[in-house]
Structure formats: structure tokens, C-alpha cells
Amino acid sequence: MSIKLKIFVLLILTFFMACATGSASTKKADWIGKSWDDSTYYYFSGISSGCPEIAQARQQAYGDALVKAAEFLGVRIDNKTIYNLSNDSSHLDAQTKLEISDTFFEQAKIKEFIYDKTDNGNFVGYVLLEVKKNVIAAEKNRKEKERAERIKLLENRKNSTPVFIEVPENLSMIGYSLKEFLQNEGFVFAQEGSPIKIVLIDENFNIVKGIYSCNLEIAISFENKTKTYSARGFGSNREQSKLQAQKECIKKIKKNFLD
């Protein structure tokens, strides 16, 4: 292969790599640091910190723009959601809390990505995110409907029969956490109310190479329904492993107790 042909091939490869990852900016784009709209779209710009890789700079800049779009809607998204989305995850796992519908995320597109290389060799990314106005409007309507339904639900619970929790002393942390959770969900507590009974089914400990594990299983009965929850915790002693198992159990209770 001739030198000229080699140079030509190298230029072609460089061109396609630039298209895939973004383009180096020779001057600052006029959209950096701005948010605006036109007749069809809302636009949100994001910026990254100095990153060792272009892909990481793109991810951070995208996350920054996505947070601004969420703030415009008056909602929040957590860091795990941003990480999953910025890595083109096809779905979000069950542990990721969403306050924005999947449709919104699918329609939030990167219109442009550019980057600068700093003197120390890091990359600073800039992302311009575009979202159709009808998608924003639909999301706002969905959130308003959701808020109205929650207000109605909380009012109904305030007028319903009070409840109280029966819990053995060794599960008192679970009882306290469940009470706090239900109070935030609008339940009223009183001694003459309907009982919520927490019962220990099984609790056993193991130790392997100095690390304790606790396997915990409990049952919670309320309004003629019983749900069981199991969890495992680890620690340097029995109490730590038990505490961790109860914390994991509480997470599961909060997730589906009201389903």
C-alpha cells in the first residue's frame, strides 16, 4: 500500500471515529450553557468535568442535560438512572426509582455532542439534548394526574380505620420503620385500630472465615392478608449481620407492602 493510500485510509477511519464519538470543538458552540425552545422542541445543554475518556465525558454531559430537563418538569432522577440511560441501557432494573415515564427517556435525544481536550489531556464534553414539546406536555399532565391521585389516596386513608403495629421486641426496628413508612403514606395510628402483626418465622446465623451471616424470615399480617419477607445480612458479629438482614427486609417491605 502506498503512503498516500495509507494516509487516505487513516483520514477515513478518523472521520468515522469522530462521527461515532462526537467532534472536537475548535470554538465554543453558541448553545453551551443554555436552555431554550422552538416551535417543536425544548433544548437542554449539559457539560462534563474533565474526564480521561471521551465516552465518559459524553456520559457526564448527557446526565447533566437530563437533570436539567427533569428539573424543568419539576421531578428528580437518581444517579443510577442517569448512569443506566447514558450507557444506552435497554431497560432499567427494578431497584431504580423513576419519577419520569419511560416514554420521556426514549424521546430525549442527543442532538449534538462536542468535546474539548484540556492541557492536562482530559476531555470536557458538551451535550445538546432535545425533547419534543408534546412529550414534555404529556409528561407534565401525567405527573399532575399522579399527584392528584396521591392526594386523594392520602385523604381516603386519613378517614379510614386507624391501625397499630404488634411486633416482638427483637424486631422492633422493623416495626418502627414500617410505622414511619405508613405514616408517610397517610395511615393514622391508634391503639384501638386494626392490628398489623409482625411475626418472626426464622432467624439463623452462620460464620465463614470470620464473617457472620444472618438469614431472616418474617411474616406481616394485615386486613386478612399475610405477606412473608426474607433477607440475608452480613457483619463482623451476630448483631451486625442481624441488623443488616433487618435493613434489607425493610427495603422489601417498603417496596411491596401496599401492593
C-alpha atoms as a PDB file:
ATOM      1  CA  MET A   1       0.000   0.000   0.000  1.00  0.00           C
ATOM      2  CA  SER A   2       1.363   3.418  -0.985  1.00  0.00           C
ATOM      3  CA  ILE A   3       1.989   6.161   1.560  1.00  0.00           C
ATOM      4  CA  LYS A   4      -0.749   8.322   0.009  1.00  0.00           C
ATOM      5  CA  LEU A   5      -3.249   5.471   0.205  1.00  0.00           C
ATOM      6  CA  LYS A   6      -2.302   4.784   3.825  1.00  0.00           C
ATOM      7  CA  ILE A   7      -2.846   8.447   4.679  1.00  0.00           C
ATOM      8  CA  PHE A   8      -6.211   8.410   2.869  1.00  0.00           C
ATOM      9  CA  VAL A   9      -7.361   5.301   4.774  1.00  0.00           C
ATOM     10  CA  LEU A  10      -6.237   6.840   8.079  1.00  0.00           C
ATOM     11  CA  LEU A  11      -8.231  10.007   7.354  1.00  0.00           C
ATOM     12  CA  ILE A  12     -11.337   7.959   6.524  1.00  0.00           C
ATOM     13  CA  LEU A  13     -11.031   5.961   9.778  1.00  0.00           C
ATOM     14  CA  THR A  14     -10.531   9.161  11.762  1.00  0.00           C
ATOM     15  CA  PHE A  15     -13.666  10.635  10.168  1.00  0.00           C
ATOM     16  CA  PHE A  16     -15.837   7.661  11.147  1.00  0.00           C
ATOM     17  CA  MET A  17     -14.443   7.576  14.694  1.00  0.00           C
ATOM     18  CA  ALA A  18     -15.332  11.251  15.072  1.00  0.00           C
ATOM     19  CA  CYS A  19     -18.881  10.587  13.865  1.00  0.00           C
ATOM     20  CA  ALA A  20     -19.292   7.794  16.400  1.00  0.00           C
ATOM     21  CA  THR A  21     -17.934   9.613  19.419  1.00  0.00           C
ATOM     22  CA  GLY A  22     -18.616  13.300  18.734  1.00  0.00           C
ATOM     23  CA  SER A  23     -16.426  16.057  17.376  1.00  0.00           C
ATOM     24  CA  ALA A  24     -13.642  18.119  18.866  1.00  0.00           C
ATOM     25  CA  SER A  25     -14.723  21.747  19.146  1.00  0.00           C
ATOM     26  CA  THR A  26     -12.473  24.375  17.595  1.00  0.00           C
ATOM     27  CA  LYS A  27     -14.630  27.060  19.190  1.00  0.00           C
ATOM     28  CA  LYS A  28     -17.354  27.069  21.792  1.00  0.00           C
ATOM     29  CA  ALA A  29     -20.814  26.277  20.387  1.00  0.00           C
ATOM     30  CA  ASP A  30     -23.364  29.016  20.975  1.00  0.00           C
ATOM     31  CA  TRP A  31     -25.750  26.568  22.707  1.00  0.00           C
ATOM     32  CA  ILE A  32     -23.389  25.687  25.590  1.00  0.00           C
ATOM     33  CA  GLY A  33     -24.834  26.621  28.976  1.00  0.00           C
ATOM     34  CA  LYS A  34     -28.257  27.461  27.543  1.00  0.00           C
ATOM     35  CA  SER A  35     -31.775  26.042  27.557  1.00  0.00           C
ATOM     36  CA  TRP A  36     -34.438  27.205  25.110  1.00  0.00           C
ATOM     37  CA  ASP A  37     -37.279  26.093  22.870  1.00  0.00           C
ATOM     38  CA  ASP A  38     -38.604  26.472  19.365  1.00  0.00           C
ATOM     39  CA  SER A  39     -41.935  25.543  17.813  1.00  0.00           C
ATOM     40  CA  THR A  40     -41.301  21.802  18.157  1.00  0.00           C
ATOM     41  CA  TYR A  41     -38.564  21.088  20.734  1.00  0.00           C
ATOM     42  CA  TYR A  42     -37.169  22.026  24.118  1.00  0.00           C
ATOM     43  CA  TYR A  43     -33.374  22.060  24.244  1.00  0.00           C
ATOM     44  CA  PHE A  44     -31.184  21.449  27.309  1.00  0.00           C
ATOM     45  CA  SER A  45     -27.402  21.659  27.352  1.00  0.00           C
ATOM     46  CA  GLY A  46     -25.092  19.711  29.647  1.00  0.00           C
ATOM     47  CA  ILE A  47     -21.401  19.809  30.455  1.00  0.00           C
ATOM     48  CA  SER A  48     -18.988  17.331  31.998  1.00  0.00           C
ATOM     49  CA  SER A  49     -15.998  17.739  34.240  1.00  0.00           C
ATOM     50  CA  GLY A  50     -12.543  16.813  32.934  1.00  0.00           C
ATOM     51  CA  CYS A  51     -12.600  13.095  32.067  1.00  0.00           C
ATOM     52  CA  PRO A  52      -9.827  10.734  30.922  1.00  0.00           C
ATOM     53  CA  GLU A  53     -12.030   9.270  28.147  1.00  0.00           C
ATOM     54  CA  ILE A  54     -14.321  10.875  25.565  1.00  0.00           C
ATOM     55  CA  ALA A  55     -17.078   8.345  26.303  1.00  0.00           C
ATOM     56  CA  GLN A  56     -17.033   9.274  29.992  1.00  0.00           C
ATOM     57  CA  ALA A  57     -17.231  12.980  29.136  1.00  0.00           C
ATOM     58  CA  ARG A  58     -20.253  12.267  26.924  1.00  0.00           C
ATOM     59  CA  GLN A  59     -21.914  10.275  29.706  1.00  0.00           C
ATOM     60  CA  GLN A  60     -21.448  13.033  32.285  1.00  0.00           C
ATOM     61  CA  ALA A  61     -22.599  15.773  29.924  1.00  0.00           C
ATOM     62  CA  TYR A  62     -25.672  13.758  28.977  1.00  0.00           C
ATOM     63  CA  GLY A  63     -26.512  13.218  32.642  1.00  0.00           C
ATOM     64  CA  ASP A  64     -26.175  16.941  33.336  1.00  0.00           C
ATOM     65  CA  ALA A  65     -28.532  17.810  30.459  1.00  0.00           C
ATOM     66  CA  LEU A  66     -31.000  15.132  31.564  1.00  0.00           C
ATOM     67  CA  VAL A  67     -31.089  16.526  35.109  1.00  0.00           C
ATOM     68  CA  LYS A  68     -31.909  19.988  33.709  1.00  0.00           C
ATOM     69  CA  ALA A  69     -34.746  18.520  31.665  1.00  0.00           C
ATOM     70  CA  ALA A  70     -36.071  16.756  34.775  1.00  0.00           C
ATOM     71  CA  GLU A  71     -35.839  19.971  36.818  1.00  0.00           C
ATOM     72  CA  PHE A  72     -37.867  21.713  34.127  1.00  0.00           C
ATOM     73  CA  LEU A  73     -40.566  19.092  34.726  1.00  0.00           C
ATOM     74  CA  GLY A  74     -40.301  19.532  38.479  1.00  0.00           C
ATOM     75  CA  VAL A  75     -39.185  15.969  39.171  1.00  0.00           C
ATOM     76  CA  ARG A  76     -35.968  14.220  40.112  1.00  0.00           C
ATOM     77  CA  ILE A  77     -33.977  11.336  38.710  1.00  0.00           C
ATOM     78  CA  ASP A  78     -31.345   9.468  40.670  1.00  0.00           C
ATOM     79  CA  ASN A  79     -27.726   8.883  39.694  1.00  0.00           C
ATOM     80  CA  LYS A  80     -28.304   5.207  38.931  1.00  0.00           C
ATOM     81  CA  THR A  81     -30.991   6.088  36.389  1.00  0.00           C
ATOM     82  CA  ILE A  82     -28.666   8.601  34.714  1.00  0.00           C
ATOM     83  CA  TYR A  83     -25.874   6.021  34.590  1.00  0.00           C
ATOM     84  CA  ASN A  84     -28.107   3.369  33.021  1.00  0.00           C
ATOM     85  CA  LEU A  85     -29.522   5.744  30.433  1.00  0.00           C
ATOM     86  CA  SER A  86     -26.217   7.312  29.498  1.00  0.00           C
ATOM     87  CA  ASN A  87     -24.847   3.843  28.828  1.00  0.00           C
ATOM     88  CA  ASP A  88     -27.741   3.151  26.434  1.00  0.00           C
ATOM     89  CA  SER A  89     -29.298   0.615  28.782  1.00  0.00           C
ATOM     90  CA  SER A  90     -32.294  -1.043  27.113  1.00  0.00           C
ATOM     91  CA  HIS A  91     -34.138  -1.221  30.399  1.00  0.00           C
ATOM     92  CA  LEU A  92     -33.924  -0.105  33.999  1.00  0.00           C
ATOM     93  CA  ASP A  93     -33.863  -2.674  36.753  1.00  0.00           C
ATOM     94  CA  ALA A  94     -36.463  -2.886  39.491  1.00  0.00           C
ATOM     95  CA  GLN A  95     -34.265  -1.154  42.066  1.00  0.00           C
ATOM     96  CA  THR A  96     -34.127   2.080  40.045  1.00  0.00           C
ATOM     97  CA  LYS A  97     -36.656   4.638  41.174  1.00  0.00           C
ATOM     98  CA  LEU A  98     -38.237   6.594  38.326  1.00  0.00           C
ATOM     99  CA  GLU A  99     -40.284   9.767  38.573  1.00  0.00           C
ATOM    100  CA  ILE A 100     -40.345  10.208  34.806  1.00  0.00           C
ATOM    101  CA  SER A 101     -42.040   7.850  32.355  1.00  0.00           C
ATOM    102  CA  ASP A 102     -40.061   5.579  30.026  1.00  0.00           C
ATOM    103  CA  THR A 103     -41.584   7.435  27.064  1.00  0.00           C
ATOM    104  CA  PHE A 104     -39.877  10.638  28.143  1.00  0.00           C
ATOM    105  CA  PHE A 105     -36.478   8.941  28.325  1.00  0.00           C
ATOM    106  CA  GLU A 106     -36.977   7.317  24.919  1.00  0.00           C
ATOM    107  CA  GLN A 107     -37.773  10.692  23.335  1.00  0.00           C
ATOM    108  CA  ALA A 108     -34.922  12.642  24.960  1.00  0.00           C
ATOM    109  CA  LYS A 109     -32.344  12.566  22.175  1.00  0.00           C
ATOM    110  CA  ILE A 110     -28.786  13.849  21.925  1.00  0.00           C
ATOM    111  CA  LYS A 111     -28.840  16.343  19.063  1.00  0.00           C
ATOM    112  CA  GLU A 112     -25.167  17.238  19.280  1.00  0.00           C
ATOM    113  CA  PHE A 113     -22.073  16.212  21.226  1.00  0.00           C
ATOM    114  CA  ILE A 114     -18.746  18.021  21.120  1.00  0.00           C
ATOM    115  CA  TYR A 115     -15.715  17.973  23.367  1.00  0.00           C
ATOM    116  CA  ASP A 116     -12.561  19.879  24.228  1.00  0.00           C
ATOM    117  CA  LYS A 117      -9.222  18.416  25.193  1.00  0.00           C
ATOM    118  CA  THR A 118      -7.665  20.197  28.154  1.00  0.00           C
ATOM    119  CA  ASP A 119      -3.992  20.993  28.648  1.00  0.00           C
ATOM    120  CA  ASN A 120      -3.602  18.044  31.012  1.00  0.00           C
ATOM    121  CA  GLY A 121      -5.015  15.601  28.452  1.00  0.00           C
ATOM    122  CA  ASN A 122      -8.542  15.242  29.859  1.00  0.00           C
ATOM    123  CA  PHE A 123     -11.745  15.731  27.884  1.00  0.00           C
ATOM    124  CA  VAL A 124     -14.646  18.081  28.651  1.00  0.00           C
ATOM    125  CA  GLY A 125     -17.891  17.085  26.930  1.00  0.00           C
ATOM    126  CA  TYR A 126     -20.854  19.201  25.891  1.00  0.00           C
ATOM    127  CA  VAL A 127     -24.224  17.654  25.040  1.00  0.00           C
ATOM    128  CA  LEU A 128     -27.261  19.299  23.480  1.00  0.00           C
ATOM    129  CA  LEU A 129     -30.404  17.353  24.381  1.00  0.00           C
ATOM    130  CA  GLU A 130     -33.668  17.802  22.506  1.00  0.00           C
ATOM    131  CA  VAL A 131     -37.141  16.736  23.657  1.00  0.00           C
ATOM    132  CA  LYS A 132     -40.336  17.221  21.707  1.00  0.00           C
ATOM    133  CA  LYS A 133     -42.756  19.685  23.268  1.00  0.00           C
ATOM    134  CA  ASN A 134     -45.672  17.274  23.078  1.00  0.00           C
ATOM    135  CA  VAL A 135     -43.629  14.753  25.085  1.00  0.00           C
ATOM    136  CA  ILE A 136     -42.936  17.377  27.772  1.00  0.00           C
ATOM    137  CA  ALA A 137     -46.629  18.347  27.843  1.00  0.00           C
ATOM    138  CA  ALA A 138     -47.730  14.714  28.148  1.00  0.00           C
ATOM    139  CA  GLU A 139     -45.244  14.119  30.965  1.00  0.00           C
ATOM    140  CA  LYS A 140     -46.445  17.197  32.877  1.00  0.00           C
ATOM    141  CA  ASN A 141     -50.051  16.035  32.527  1.00  0.00           C
ATOM    142  CA  ARG A 142     -49.094  12.566  33.740  1.00  0.00           C
ATOM    143  CA  LYS A 143     -47.346  13.989  36.789  1.00  0.00           C
ATOM    144  CA  GLU A 144     -50.301  16.265  37.611  1.00  0.00           C
ATOM    145  CA  LYS A 145     -52.684  13.315  37.405  1.00  0.00           C
ATOM    146  CA  GLU A 146     -50.343  11.232  39.562  1.00  0.00           C
ATOM    147  CA  ARG A 147     -50.145  13.975  42.205  1.00  0.00           C
ATOM    148  CA  ALA A 148     -53.931  14.383  42.260  1.00  0.00           C
ATOM    149  CA  GLU A 149     -54.424  10.644  42.694  1.00  0.00           C
ATOM    150  CA  ARG A 150     -51.931  10.542  45.558  1.00  0.00           C
ATOM    151  CA  ILE A 151     -53.619  13.460  47.343  1.00  0.00           C
ATOM    152  CA  LYS A 152     -56.944  11.650  47.038  1.00  0.00           C
ATOM    153  CA  LEU A 153     -55.395   8.400  48.320  1.00  0.00           C
ATOM    154  CA  LEU A 154     -53.874  10.118  51.362  1.00  0.00           C
ATOM    155  CA  GLU A 155     -57.180  11.808  52.197  1.00  0.00           C
ATOM    156  CA  ASN A 156     -59.017   8.490  51.976  1.00  0.00           C
ATOM    157  CA  ARG A 157     -56.509   6.844  54.310  1.00  0.00           C
ATOM    158  CA  LYS A 158     -56.859   9.631  56.872  1.00  0.00           C
ATOM    159  CA  ASN A 159     -60.583   8.904  57.003  1.00  0.00           C
ATOM    160  CA  SER A 160     -60.174   5.132  57.185  1.00  0.00           C
ATOM    161  CA  THR A 161     -59.875   2.938  60.289  1.00  0.00           C
ATOM    162  CA  PRO A 162     -56.706   3.649  62.328  1.00  0.00           C
ATOM    163  CA  VAL A 163     -54.047   0.956  62.674  1.00  0.00           C
ATOM    164  CA  PHE A 164     -51.406  -0.118  65.174  1.00  0.00           C
ATOM    165  CA  ILE A 165     -48.407  -2.448  64.977  1.00  0.00           C
ATOM    166  CA  GLU A 166     -47.821  -5.569  67.053  1.00  0.00           C
ATOM    167  CA  VAL A 167     -44.150  -6.548  66.872  1.00  0.00           C
ATOM    168  CA  PRO A 168     -41.798  -8.667  69.049  1.00  0.00           C
ATOM    169  CA  GLU A 169     -39.018  -6.757  70.740  1.00  0.00           C
ATOM    170  CA  ASN A 170     -36.283  -8.372  68.670  1.00  0.00           C
ATOM    171  CA  LEU A 171     -37.923  -6.957  65.511  1.00  0.00           C
ATOM    172  CA  SER A 172     -38.632  -3.510  66.914  1.00  0.00           C
ATOM    173  CA  MET A 173     -36.528  -1.753  64.262  1.00  0.00           C
ATOM    174  CA  ILE A 174     -38.682  -3.261  61.525  1.00  0.00           C
ATOM    175  CA  GLY A 175     -41.811  -2.215  63.407  1.00  0.00           C
ATOM    176  CA  TYR A 176     -40.575   1.356  63.820  1.00  0.00           C
ATOM    177  CA  SER A 177     -39.568   1.636  60.158  1.00  0.00           C
ATOM    178  CA  LEU A 178     -42.892   0.219  58.959  1.00  0.00           C
ATOM    179  CA  LYS A 179     -44.813   2.678  61.149  1.00  0.00           C
ATOM    180  CA  GLU A 180     -42.808   5.621  59.827  1.00  0.00           C
ATOM    181  CA  PHE A 181     -43.365   4.439  56.250  1.00  0.00           C
ATOM    182  CA  LEU A 182     -47.116   4.012  56.703  1.00  0.00           C
ATOM    183  CA  GLN A 183     -47.475   7.406  58.386  1.00  0.00           C
ATOM    184  CA  ASN A 184     -45.859   8.982  55.331  1.00  0.00           C
ATOM    185  CA  GLU A 185     -48.407   7.089  53.233  1.00  0.00           C
ATOM    186  CA  GLY A 186     -51.311   8.656  55.140  1.00  0.00           C
ATOM    187  CA  PHE A 187     -52.150   5.928  57.670  1.00  0.00           C
ATOM    188  CA  VAL A 188     -53.395   7.026  61.085  1.00  0.00           C
ATOM    189  CA  PHE A 189     -52.204   5.133  64.182  1.00  0.00           C
ATOM    190  CA  ALA A 190     -54.255   4.487  67.323  1.00  0.00           C
ATOM    191  CA  GLN A 191     -54.313   1.736  69.946  1.00  0.00           C
ATOM    192  CA  GLU A 192     -57.929   0.856  69.177  1.00  0.00           C
ATOM    193  CA  GLY A 193     -57.202   0.463  65.465  1.00  0.00           C
ATOM    194  CA  SER A 194     -56.751  -2.551  63.211  1.00  0.00           C
ATOM    195  CA  PRO A 195     -53.630  -4.563  64.066  1.00  0.00           C
ATOM    196  CA  ILE A 196     -50.636  -5.024  61.784  1.00  0.00           C
ATOM    197  CA  LYS A 197     -48.876  -8.093  63.161  1.00  0.00           C
ATOM    198  CA  ILE A 198     -45.181  -8.785  62.549  1.00  0.00           C
ATOM    199  CA  VAL A 199     -44.063 -12.338  63.368  1.00  0.00           C
ATOM    200  CA  LEU A 200     -40.613 -13.910  63.270  1.00  0.00           C
ATOM    201  CA  ILE A 201     -40.673 -17.111  61.221  1.00  0.00           C
ATOM    202  CA  ASP A 202     -36.995 -17.985  61.185  1.00  0.00           C
ATOM    203  CA  GLU A 203     -33.637 -16.499  62.115  1.00  0.00           C
ATOM    204  CA  ASN A 204     -30.385 -18.411  61.804  1.00  0.00           C
ATOM    205  CA  PHE A 205     -26.706 -17.476  61.800  1.00  0.00           C
ATOM    206  CA  ASN A 206     -23.626 -18.819  60.082  1.00  0.00           C
ATOM    207  CA  ILE A 207     -19.979 -17.863  60.178  1.00  0.00           C
ATOM    208  CA  VAL A 208     -17.490 -18.377  57.366  1.00  0.00           C
ATOM    209  CA  LYS A 209     -13.906 -17.147  57.616  1.00  0.00           C
ATOM    210  CA  GLY A 210     -14.806 -14.754  60.414  1.00  0.00           C
ATOM    211  CA  ILE A 211     -17.807 -13.230  58.576  1.00  0.00           C
ATOM    212  CA  TYR A 212     -21.221 -13.737  60.142  1.00  0.00           C
ATOM    213  CA  SER A 213     -24.380 -14.108  58.069  1.00  0.00           C
ATOM    214  CA  CYS A 214     -27.966 -13.879  59.255  1.00  0.00           C
ATOM    215  CA  ASN A 215     -30.877 -15.414  57.346  1.00  0.00           C
ATOM    216  CA  LEU A 216     -34.098 -13.741  58.411  1.00  0.00           C
ATOM    217  CA  GLU A 217     -37.705 -14.555  57.534  1.00  0.00           C
ATOM    218  CA  ILE A 218     -40.740 -12.706  58.871  1.00  0.00           C
ATOM    219  CA  ALA A 219     -44.480 -12.506  58.190  1.00  0.00           C
ATOM    220  CA  ILE A 220     -46.707  -9.423  58.306  1.00  0.00           C
ATOM    221  CA  SER A 221     -50.479  -9.822  58.622  1.00  0.00           C
ATOM    222  CA  PHE A 222     -52.943  -7.008  57.905  1.00  0.00           C
ATOM    223  CA  GLU A 223     -56.597  -6.983  56.818  1.00  0.00           C
ATOM    224  CA  ASN A 224     -56.808 -10.791  56.420  1.00  0.00           C
ATOM    225  CA  LYS A 225     -53.703 -10.873  54.242  1.00  0.00           C
ATOM    226  CA  THR A 226     -50.263 -12.207  55.156  1.00  0.00           C
ATOM    227  CA  LYS A 227     -47.027 -11.472  53.334  1.00  0.00           C
ATOM    228  CA  THR A 228     -43.662 -13.067  54.041  1.00  0.00           C
ATOM    229  CA  TYR A 229     -40.289 -11.411  53.649  1.00  0.00           C
ATOM    230  CA  SER A 230     -36.811 -12.921  53.768  1.00  0.00           C
ATOM    231  CA  ALA A 231     -33.394 -11.326  53.687  1.00  0.00           C
ATOM    232  CA  ARG A 232     -29.749 -12.000  54.430  1.00  0.00           C
ATOM    233  CA  GLY A 233     -27.280  -9.763  56.215  1.00  0.00           C
ATOM    234  CA  PHE A 234     -23.540  -9.911  56.816  1.00  0.00           C
ATOM    235  CA  GLY A 235     -21.268  -8.474  59.504  1.00  0.00           C
ATOM    236  CA  SER A 236     -18.267  -8.947  61.714  1.00  0.00           C
ATOM    237  CA  ASN A 237     -20.514 -10.274  64.507  1.00  0.00           C
ATOM    238  CA  ARG A 238     -24.025 -11.672  65.012  1.00  0.00           C
ATOM    239  CA  GLU A 239     -25.626  -8.334  65.845  1.00  0.00           C
ATOM    240  CA  GLN A 240     -24.212  -6.605  62.776  1.00  0.00           C
ATOM    241  CA  SER A 241     -25.393  -9.372  60.469  1.00  0.00           C
ATOM    242  CA  LYS A 242     -28.830  -9.342  62.110  1.00  0.00           C
ATOM    243  CA  LEU A 243     -29.072  -5.561  61.774  1.00  0.00           C
ATOM    244  CA  GLN A 244     -28.132  -5.738  58.102  1.00  0.00           C
ATOM    245  CA  ALA A 245     -30.681  -8.511  57.463  1.00  0.00           C
ATOM    246  CA  GLN A 246     -33.417  -6.398  59.070  1.00  0.00           C
ATOM    247  CA  LYS A 247     -32.443  -3.378  56.959  1.00  0.00           C
ATOM    248  CA  GLU A 248     -32.676  -5.471  53.805  1.00  0.00           C
ATOM    249  CA  CYS A 249     -36.045  -6.761  54.950  1.00  0.00           C
ATOM    250  CA  ILE A 250     -37.297  -3.206  55.471  1.00  0.00           C
ATOM    251  CA  LYS A 251     -36.371  -2.316  51.876  1.00  0.00           C
ATOM    252  CA  LYS A 252     -38.506  -5.184  50.601  1.00  0.00           C
ATOM    253  CA  ILE A 253     -41.413  -4.265  52.865  1.00  0.00           C
ATOM    254  CA  LYS A 254     -41.456  -0.663  51.646  1.00  0.00           C
ATOM    255  CA  LYS A 255     -41.359  -1.863  48.070  1.00  0.00           C
ATOM    256  CA  ASN A 256     -44.491  -4.033  48.050  1.00  0.00           C
ATOM    257  CA  PHE A 257     -46.345  -3.953  51.392  1.00  0.00           C
ATOM    258  CA  LEU A 258     -49.061  -1.706  49.932  1.00  0.00           C
ATOM    259  CA  ASP A 259     -49.416  -3.607  46.654  1.00  0.00           C
END
